[in-house]
Amino acid sequence: MIRHTSLGDTAFKRSRNLKILLDKKEITFAGNVKLKIYGTLNCSAGKRMKPANRVFFCLETEAIEMGYRPCGHCMAGTYKKWKDALNKLIKLD
């Protein structure tokens, strides 16, 4: 997990370092550290996020292992599967 704010002290530096990581394919998902939601890099909801709350992941499994859930906007199918599995767990209790 990479925090957006750790990529530089100015918006320009963060943007340049982010581009380098994207070109190397070291980042494929973004997440909100406060809401514990991850999604695709082109998600319109994720693009409105404050840099202080934004984190990046290389793999989807990395986000899941850290307790993040899929975004219902850009990952609707994955979100539905996650929600169904959660509902099954709740019903078992």
C-alpha atoms as a PDB file:
ATOM      1  CA  MET A   1       0.000   0.000   0.000  1.00  0.00           C
ATOM      2  CA  ILE A   2       1.290   3.424  -0.959  1.00  0.00           C
ATOM      3  CA  ARG A   3      -0.169   6.607   0.543  1.00  0.00           C
ATOM      4  CA  HIS A   4      -0.771   9.336  -2.018  1.00  0.00           C
ATOM      5  CA  THR A   5       0.781  11.968   0.242  1.00  0.00           C
ATOM      6  CA  SER A   6       4.015   9.956   0.468  1.00  0.00           C
ATOM      7  CA  LEU A   7       4.640  10.472  -3.263  1.00  0.00           C
ATOM      8  CA  GLY A   8       5.777  14.071  -2.805  1.00  0.00           C
ATOM      9  CA  ASP A   9       5.267  17.301  -0.929  1.00  0.00           C
ATOM     10  CA  THR A  10       3.585  19.159  -3.808  1.00  0.00           C
ATOM     11  CA  ALA A  11       0.769  18.207  -6.163  1.00  0.00           C
ATOM     12  CA  PHE A  12       3.193  18.316  -9.099  1.00  0.00           C
ATOM     13  CA  LYS A  13       5.706  15.945  -7.467  1.00  0.00           C
ATOM     14  CA  ARG A  14       2.921  13.548  -6.457  1.00  0.00           C
ATOM     15  CA  SER A  15       1.557  13.614  -9.996  1.00  0.00           C
ATOM     16  CA  ARG A  16       4.966  12.880 -11.564  1.00  0.00           C
ATOM     17  CA  ASN A  17       5.778  10.063  -9.130  1.00  0.00           C
ATOM     18  CA  LEU A  18       2.304   8.594  -9.594  1.00  0.00           C
ATOM     19  CA  LYS A  19       2.796   8.591 -13.382  1.00  0.00           C
ATOM     20  CA  ILE A  20       6.077   6.703 -12.964  1.00  0.00           C
ATOM     21  CA  LEU A  21       4.404   4.058 -10.773  1.00  0.00           C
ATOM     22  CA  LEU A  22       1.506   3.735 -13.223  1.00  0.00           C
ATOM     23  CA  ASP A  23       3.884   3.298 -16.165  1.00  0.00           C
ATOM     24  CA  LYS A  24       5.717   0.544 -14.260  1.00  0.00           C
ATOM     25  CA  LYS A  25       2.314  -1.042 -13.469  1.00  0.00           C
ATOM     26  CA  GLU A  26       3.136  -0.924  -9.750  1.00  0.00           C
ATOM     27  CA  ILE A  27      -0.300   0.603  -9.072  1.00  0.00           C
ATOM     28  CA  THR A  28      -3.566  -0.882 -10.345  1.00  0.00           C
ATOM     29  CA  PHE A  29      -6.136   0.046  -7.667  1.00  0.00           C
ATOM     30  CA  ALA A  30      -6.816   3.027  -5.412  1.00  0.00           C
ATOM     31  CA  GLY A  31      -8.523   3.134  -2.045  1.00  0.00           C
ATOM     32  CA  ASN A  32      -9.896   5.419   0.625  1.00  0.00           C
ATOM     33  CA  VAL A  33      -8.060   4.890   3.895  1.00  0.00           C
ATOM     34  CA  LYS A  34     -10.899   6.282   6.048  1.00  0.00           C
ATOM     35  CA  LEU A  35     -13.766   4.415   4.372  1.00  0.00           C
ATOM     36  CA  LYS A  36     -11.738   1.243   3.640  1.00  0.00           C
ATOM     37  CA  ILE A  37     -13.046   1.114   0.036  1.00  0.00           C
ATOM     38  CA  TYR A  38     -10.929   0.257  -3.018  1.00  0.00           C
ATOM     39  CA  GLY A  39     -11.696   0.635  -6.700  1.00  0.00           C
ATOM     40  CA  THR A  40     -10.322   1.128 -10.175  1.00  0.00           C
ATOM     41  CA  LEU A  41      -8.048   4.032 -10.993  1.00  0.00           C
ATOM     42  CA  ASN A  42     -10.582   5.560 -13.388  1.00  0.00           C
ATOM     43  CA  CYS A  43     -13.492   5.588 -10.911  1.00  0.00           C
ATOM     44  CA  SER A  44     -15.199   8.990 -10.846  1.00  0.00           C
ATOM     45  CA  ALA A  45     -15.961   8.615  -7.128  1.00  0.00           C
ATOM     46  CA  GLY A  46     -12.318   7.838  -6.375  1.00  0.00           C
ATOM     47  CA  LYS A  47     -11.047  10.811  -8.364  1.00  0.00           C
ATOM     48  CA  ARG A  48     -12.927  13.182  -6.023  1.00  0.00           C
ATOM     49  CA  MET A  49     -11.123  11.789  -2.981  1.00  0.00           C
ATOM     50  CA  LYS A  50      -8.759  13.978  -0.957  1.00  0.00           C
ATOM     51  CA  PRO A  51      -5.089  13.021  -1.481  1.00  0.00           C
ATOM     52  CA  ALA A  52      -4.712  12.655   2.303  1.00  0.00           C
ATOM     53  CA  ASN A  53      -7.303   9.845   2.254  1.00  0.00           C
ATOM     54  CA  ARG A  54      -6.059   8.118  -0.929  1.00  0.00           C
ATOM     55  CA  VAL A  55      -3.901   4.996  -1.019  1.00  0.00           C
ATOM     56  CA  PHE A  56      -2.761   2.838  -3.918  1.00  0.00           C
ATOM     57  CA  PHE A  57      -2.481  -0.927  -4.284  1.00  0.00           C
ATOM     58  CA  CYS A  58      -0.587  -3.088  -6.741  1.00  0.00           C
ATOM     59  CA  LEU A  59      -3.015  -6.005  -6.513  1.00  0.00           C
ATOM     60  CA  GLU A  60      -6.660  -6.408  -5.583  1.00  0.00           C
ATOM     61  CA  THR A  61      -5.688  -9.117  -3.095  1.00  0.00           C
ATOM     62  CA  GLU A  62      -3.499  -6.594  -1.265  1.00  0.00           C
ATOM     63  CA  ALA A  63      -6.517  -4.331  -0.711  1.00  0.00           C
ATOM     64  CA  ILE A  64      -8.710  -7.232   0.419  1.00  0.00           C
ATOM     65  CA  GLU A  65      -6.063  -8.510   2.851  1.00  0.00           C
ATOM     66  CA  MET A  66      -5.889  -5.044   4.404  1.00  0.00           C
ATOM     67  CA  GLY A  67      -9.643  -5.039   5.050  1.00  0.00           C
ATOM     68  CA  TYR A  68     -10.835  -2.883   2.155  1.00  0.00           C
ATOM     69  CA  ARG A  69     -14.127  -3.593   0.378  1.00  0.00           C
ATOM     70  CA  PRO A  70     -14.874  -3.117  -3.350  1.00  0.00           C
ATOM     71  CA  CYS A  71     -16.385   0.136  -4.608  1.00  0.00           C
ATOM     72  CA  GLY A  72     -20.071  -0.202  -5.475  1.00  0.00           C
ATOM     73  CA  HIS A  73     -19.723   2.363  -8.261  1.00  0.00           C
ATOM     74  CA  CYS A  74     -16.830   1.146 -10.422  1.00  0.00           C
ATOM     75  CA  MET A  75     -16.760  -2.509  -9.317  1.00  0.00           C
ATOM     76  CA  ALA A  76     -20.482  -3.261  -9.110  1.00  0.00           C
ATOM     77  CA  GLY A  77     -20.155  -7.009  -9.786  1.00  0.00           C
ATOM     78  CA  THR A  78     -17.368  -7.531  -7.270  1.00  0.00           C
ATOM     79  CA  TYR A  79     -19.213  -5.367  -4.746  1.00  0.00           C
ATOM     80  CA  LYS A  80     -22.382  -7.469  -5.145  1.00  0.00           C
ATOM     81  CA  LYS A  81     -20.422 -10.685  -4.511  1.00  0.00           C
ATOM     82  CA  TRP A  82     -18.809  -9.116  -1.436  1.00  0.00           C
ATOM     83  CA  LYS A  83     -22.175  -7.895  -0.141  1.00  0.00           C
ATOM     84  CA  ASP A  84     -23.831 -11.299  -0.713  1.00  0.00           C
ATOM     85  CA  ALA A  85     -21.011 -13.061   1.156  1.00  0.00           C
ATOM     86  CA  LEU A  86     -21.319 -10.574   4.011  1.00  0.00           C
ATOM     87  CA  ASN A  87     -25.090 -11.110   4.212  1.00  0.00           C
ATOM     88  CA  LYS A  88     -24.561 -14.890   4.382  1.00  0.00           C
ATOM     89  CA  LEU A  89     -22.156 -14.429   7.296  1.00  0.00           C
ATOM     90  CA  ILE A  90     -24.623 -12.200   9.116  1.00  0.00           C
ATOM     91  CA  LYS A  91     -27.424 -14.753   8.666  1.00  0.00           C
ATOM     92  CA  LEU A  92     -25.221 -17.509  10.122  1.00  0.00           C
ATOM     93  CA  ASP A  93     -24.775 -15.618  13.393  1.00  0.00           C
END
